[in-house]
Amino acid sequence: MTSVKDVEGLYSELFEAASVGRRHGERIAALADQTQSRWQTLWTIDVAPLTVPQIARRLGVSRQHILRLTGELHAEGLVESRLNPDHKTSPLIVLTPAGEKILHRINGAGRISNQALLESLTPARIDDLRLLLHDFIRIISDEDARHI
């Protein structure tokens, strides 16, 4: 029978998994002289041009953090600002060709790592884990929404 202690153990394992994932992401991003935070930011921008507040919301971090990161990435020529027709004072951030090249390099290393994971876990187990995590996130989000 599952107990509250089991749920507490689940949180502990989720925190450990997140920590292992962050360290692994840092190692992969370092292959292109980047950090995981920069990788996540580049990846998010690559999906669609976004403003700094939009990037921050998608990544669940502060606007100031993304403003600092995009400033650094801009100084290195990896991103640029474009006029935002919907908001004159909040430009869209886009990748430059150099940013696309860096992201492609990091993503390539990530794909190799993901392939190794796929060889250790069957696609069915990965799908099951993703579904369970999706349910977990939804349940916790719903619980949080009830207490706001």
C-alpha atoms as a PDB file:
ATOM      1  CA  MET A   1       0.000   0.000   0.000  1.00  0.00           C
ATOM      2  CA  THR A   2       1.324   3.421  -0.978  1.00  0.00           C
ATOM      3  CA  SER A   3       1.755   5.927   1.842  1.00  0.00           C
ATOM      4  CA  VAL A   4       2.539   9.601   2.289  1.00  0.00           C
ATOM      5  CA  LYS A   5       6.141   8.503   2.896  1.00  0.00           C
ATOM      6  CA  ASP A   6       6.166   6.961  -0.610  1.00  0.00           C
ATOM      7  CA  VAL A   7       5.030  10.279  -2.110  1.00  0.00           C
ATOM      8  CA  GLU A   8       7.772  12.058  -0.156  1.00  0.00           C
ATOM      9  CA  GLY A   9      10.235   9.559  -1.624  1.00  0.00           C
ATOM     10  CA  LEU A  10       8.871  10.344  -5.083  1.00  0.00           C
ATOM     11  CA  TYR A  11       9.689  14.030  -4.593  1.00  0.00           C
ATOM     12  CA  SER A  12      13.192  13.109  -3.456  1.00  0.00           C
ATOM     13  CA  GLU A  13      13.728  11.018  -6.585  1.00  0.00           C
ATOM     14  CA  LEU A  14      12.312  13.769  -8.816  1.00  0.00           C
ATOM     15  CA  PHE A  15      14.716  16.304  -7.269  1.00  0.00           C
ATOM     16  CA  GLU A  16      17.614  13.892  -7.765  1.00  0.00           C
ATOM     17  CA  ALA A  17      16.555  13.224 -11.389  1.00  0.00           C
ATOM     18  CA  ALA A  18      16.375  16.976 -12.041  1.00  0.00           C
ATOM     19  CA  SER A  19      19.831  17.425 -10.523  1.00  0.00           C
ATOM     20  CA  VAL A  20      21.327  14.607 -12.585  1.00  0.00           C
ATOM     21  CA  GLY A  21      19.629  16.019 -15.689  1.00  0.00           C
ATOM     22  CA  ARG A  22      21.018  19.513 -15.029  1.00  0.00           C
ATOM     23  CA  ARG A  23      24.565  18.205 -14.534  1.00  0.00           C
ATOM     24  CA  HIS A  24      24.255  16.128 -17.694  1.00  0.00           C
ATOM     25  CA  GLY A  25      22.908  19.153 -19.605  1.00  0.00           C
ATOM     26  CA  GLU A  26      25.792  21.293 -18.337  1.00  0.00           C
ATOM     27  CA  ARG A  27      28.282  18.703 -19.632  1.00  0.00           C
ATOM     28  CA  ILE A  28      26.615  18.608 -23.051  1.00  0.00           C
ATOM     29  CA  ALA A  29      26.346  22.412 -23.338  1.00  0.00           C
ATOM     30  CA  ALA A  30      29.988  22.787 -22.271  1.00  0.00           C
ATOM     31  CA  LEU A  31      31.012  20.981 -25.476  1.00  0.00           C
ATOM     32  CA  ALA A  32      30.090  24.249 -27.244  1.00  0.00           C
ATOM     33  CA  ASP A  33      31.394  26.503 -24.439  1.00  0.00           C
ATOM     34  CA  GLN A  34      27.859  27.192 -23.229  1.00  0.00           C
ATOM     35  CA  THR A  35      25.829  26.490 -20.095  1.00  0.00           C
ATOM     36  CA  GLN A  36      22.588  24.602 -19.800  1.00  0.00           C
ATOM     37  CA  SER A  37      20.738  27.881 -19.127  1.00  0.00           C
ATOM     38  CA  ARG A  38      22.080  29.334 -22.349  1.00  0.00           C
ATOM     39  CA  TRP A  39      21.211  26.115 -24.208  1.00  0.00           C
ATOM     40  CA  GLN A  40      17.632  26.233 -22.922  1.00  0.00           C
ATOM     41  CA  THR A  41      17.367  29.887 -23.884  1.00  0.00           C
ATOM     42  CA  LEU A  42      18.739  29.305 -27.399  1.00  0.00           C
ATOM     43  CA  TRP A  43      16.462  26.297 -27.850  1.00  0.00           C
ATOM     44  CA  THR A  44      13.404  28.268 -26.727  1.00  0.00           C
ATOM     45  CA  ILE A  45      14.223  31.157 -29.065  1.00  0.00           C
ATOM     46  CA  ASP A  46      14.767  28.726 -31.941  1.00  0.00           C
ATOM     47  CA  VAL A  47      11.195  27.428 -31.606  1.00  0.00           C
ATOM     48  CA  ALA A  48       9.811  30.921 -32.228  1.00  0.00           C
ATOM     49  CA  PRO A  49      10.987  34.519 -31.871  1.00  0.00           C
ATOM     50  CA  LEU A  50       9.930  35.623 -28.389  1.00  0.00           C
ATOM     51  CA  THR A  51      10.263  38.588 -26.062  1.00  0.00           C
ATOM     52  CA  VAL A  52      12.348  38.367 -22.893  1.00  0.00           C
ATOM     53  CA  PRO A  53       9.225  38.035 -20.676  1.00  0.00           C
ATOM     54  CA  GLN A  54       7.847  35.271 -22.932  1.00  0.00           C
ATOM     55  CA  ILE A  55      11.129  33.337 -22.761  1.00  0.00           C
ATOM     56  CA  ALA A  56      11.210  33.727 -18.975  1.00  0.00           C
ATOM     57  CA  ARG A  57       7.637  32.422 -18.610  1.00  0.00           C
ATOM     58  CA  ARG A  58       8.327  29.404 -20.826  1.00  0.00           C
ATOM     59  CA  LEU A  59      11.440  28.499 -18.870  1.00  0.00           C
ATOM     60  CA  GLY A  60       9.950  29.312 -15.464  1.00  0.00           C
ATOM     61  CA  VAL A  61      12.692  31.746 -14.514  1.00  0.00           C
ATOM     62  CA  SER A  62      12.845  35.464 -13.819  1.00  0.00           C
ATOM     63  CA  ARG A  63      12.703  38.077 -16.532  1.00  0.00           C
ATOM     64  CA  GLN A  64      15.920  39.554 -15.138  1.00  0.00           C
ATOM     65  CA  HIS A  65      17.707  36.214 -15.543  1.00  0.00           C
ATOM     66  CA  ILE A  66      16.689  35.980 -19.207  1.00  0.00           C
ATOM     67  CA  LEU A  67      17.515  39.648 -19.773  1.00  0.00           C
ATOM     68  CA  ARG A  68      21.046  38.967 -18.486  1.00  0.00           C
ATOM     69  CA  LEU A  69      21.418  35.790 -20.565  1.00  0.00           C
ATOM     70  CA  THR A  70      20.110  37.326 -23.768  1.00  0.00           C
ATOM     71  CA  GLY A  71      22.386  40.321 -23.187  1.00  0.00           C
ATOM     72  CA  GLU A  72      25.385  37.984 -22.961  1.00  0.00           C
ATOM     73  CA  LEU A  73      24.231  35.970 -25.982  1.00  0.00           C
ATOM     74  CA  HIS A  74      23.726  39.220 -27.916  1.00  0.00           C
ATOM     75  CA  ALA A  75      27.230  40.420 -27.018  1.00  0.00           C
ATOM     76  CA  GLU A  76      28.603  37.118 -28.352  1.00  0.00           C
ATOM     77  CA  GLY A  77      26.636  37.468 -31.592  1.00  0.00           C
ATOM     78  CA  LEU A  78      24.406  34.441 -30.930  1.00  0.00           C
ATOM     79  CA  VAL A  79      21.085  36.323 -30.763  1.00  0.00           C
ATOM     80  CA  GLU A  80      19.740  39.618 -32.029  1.00  0.00           C
ATOM     81  CA  SER A  81      16.734  41.799 -31.348  1.00  0.00           C
ATOM     82  CA  ARG A  82      14.061  42.446 -33.928  1.00  0.00           C
ATOM     83  CA  LEU A  83      11.255  44.958 -33.931  1.00  0.00           C
ATOM     84  CA  ASN A  84       8.123  43.541 -32.329  1.00  0.00           C
ATOM     85  CA  PRO A  85       5.038  44.758 -34.207  1.00  0.00           C
ATOM     86  CA  ASP A  86       2.873  43.959 -31.173  1.00  0.00           C
ATOM     87  CA  HIS A  87       4.966  45.775 -28.554  1.00  0.00           C
ATOM     88  CA  LYS A  88       7.336  48.609 -29.417  1.00  0.00           C
ATOM     89  CA  THR A  89       9.365  48.432 -26.193  1.00  0.00           C
ATOM     90  CA  SER A  90       9.693  44.636 -26.002  1.00  0.00           C
ATOM     91  CA  PRO A  91      11.703  43.379 -28.987  1.00  0.00           C
ATOM     92  CA  LEU A  92      11.627  39.836 -30.288  1.00  0.00           C
ATOM     93  CA  ILE A  93      14.794  37.828 -29.680  1.00  0.00           C
ATOM     94  CA  VAL A  94      15.971  35.640 -32.576  1.00  0.00           C
ATOM     95  CA  LEU A  95      18.984  33.442 -33.243  1.00  0.00           C
ATOM     96  CA  THR A  96      21.727  34.659 -35.523  1.00  0.00           C
ATOM     97  CA  PRO A  97      23.413  32.209 -37.913  1.00  0.00           C
ATOM     98  CA  ALA A  98      26.192  31.847 -35.308  1.00  0.00           C
ATOM     99  CA  GLY A  99      23.559  31.074 -32.649  1.00  0.00           C
ATOM    100  CA  GLU A 100      21.948  28.481 -34.926  1.00  0.00           C
ATOM    101  CA  LYS A 101      25.354  26.856 -35.426  1.00  0.00           C
ATOM    102  CA  ILE A 102      26.038  26.675 -31.664  1.00  0.00           C
ATOM    103  CA  LEU A 103      22.550  25.318 -30.981  1.00  0.00           C
ATOM    104  CA  HIS A 104      22.939  22.702 -33.722  1.00  0.00           C
ATOM    105  CA  ARG A 105      26.230  21.576 -32.178  1.00  0.00           C
ATOM    106  CA  ILE A 106      24.750  21.268 -28.684  1.00  0.00           C
ATOM    107  CA  ASN A 107      21.580  19.574 -29.935  1.00  0.00           C
ATOM    108  CA  GLY A 108      23.696  17.088 -31.886  1.00  0.00           C
ATOM    109  CA  ALA A 109      25.508  16.082 -28.708  1.00  0.00           C
ATOM    110  CA  GLY A 110      22.142  15.919 -26.944  1.00  0.00           C
ATOM    111  CA  ARG A 111      20.765  13.572 -29.615  1.00  0.00           C
ATOM    112  CA  ILE A 112      23.712  11.218 -29.143  1.00  0.00           C
ATOM    113  CA  SER A 113      23.056  11.210 -25.400  1.00  0.00           C
ATOM    114  CA  ASN A 114      19.328  10.656 -25.962  1.00  0.00           C
ATOM    115  CA  GLN A 115      20.059   7.726 -28.280  1.00  0.00           C
ATOM    116  CA  ALA A 116      22.125   6.088 -25.531  1.00  0.00           C
ATOM    117  CA  LEU A 117      19.204   6.583 -23.132  1.00  0.00           C
ATOM    118  CA  LEU A 118      16.811   5.089 -25.658  1.00  0.00           C
ATOM    119  CA  GLU A 119      19.045   2.012 -25.905  1.00  0.00           C
ATOM    120  CA  SER A 120      18.808   1.576 -22.119  1.00  0.00           C
ATOM    121  CA  LEU A 121      15.084   2.280 -21.775  1.00  0.00           C
ATOM    122  CA  THR A 122      12.513   0.944 -24.190  1.00  0.00           C
ATOM    123  CA  PRO A 123      10.293   3.432 -26.011  1.00  0.00           C
ATOM    124  CA  ALA A 124       7.327   2.041 -24.042  1.00  0.00           C
ATOM    125  CA  ARG A 125       9.043   2.763 -20.700  1.00  0.00           C
ATOM    126  CA  ILE A 126       9.915   6.285 -21.843  1.00  0.00           C
ATOM    127  CA  ASP A 127       6.302   6.851 -22.926  1.00  0.00           C
ATOM    128  CA  ASP A 128       5.043   5.527 -19.565  1.00  0.00           C
ATOM    129  CA  LEU A 129       7.418   7.811 -17.664  1.00  0.00           C
ATOM    130  CA  ARG A 130       6.373  10.835 -19.727  1.00  0.00           C
ATOM    131  CA  LEU A 131       2.688  10.093 -19.104  1.00  0.00           C
ATOM    132  CA  LEU A 132       3.262   9.682 -15.379  1.00  0.00           C
ATOM    133  CA  LEU A 133       5.234  12.929 -15.198  1.00  0.00           C
ATOM    134  CA  HIS A 134       2.531  14.721 -17.200  1.00  0.00           C
ATOM    135  CA  ASP A 135      -0.104  13.453 -14.749  1.00  0.00           C
ATOM    136  CA  PHE A 136       2.075  14.450 -11.791  1.00  0.00           C
ATOM    137  CA  ILE A 137       2.557  17.985 -13.160  1.00  0.00           C
ATOM    138  CA  ARG A 138      -1.161  18.362 -13.876  1.00  0.00           C
ATOM    139  CA  ILE A 139      -2.186  17.149 -10.402  1.00  0.00           C
ATOM    140  CA  ILE A 140       0.281  19.438  -8.620  1.00  0.00           C
ATOM    141  CA  SER A 141      -0.646  22.402 -10.866  1.00  0.00           C
ATOM    142  CA  ASP A 142      -4.345  21.839 -10.188  1.00  0.00           C
ATOM    143  CA  GLU A 143      -3.650  21.641  -6.460  1.00  0.00           C
ATOM    144  CA  ASP A 144      -1.664  24.875  -6.580  1.00  0.00           C
ATOM    145  CA  ALA A 145      -4.433  26.608  -8.584  1.00  0.00           C
ATOM    146  CA  ARG A 146      -6.994  25.698  -5.907  1.00  0.00           C
ATOM    147  CA  HIS A 147      -4.880  27.460  -3.278  1.00  0.00           C
ATOM    148  CA  ILE A 148      -4.248  30.703  -5.123  1.00  0.00           C
END
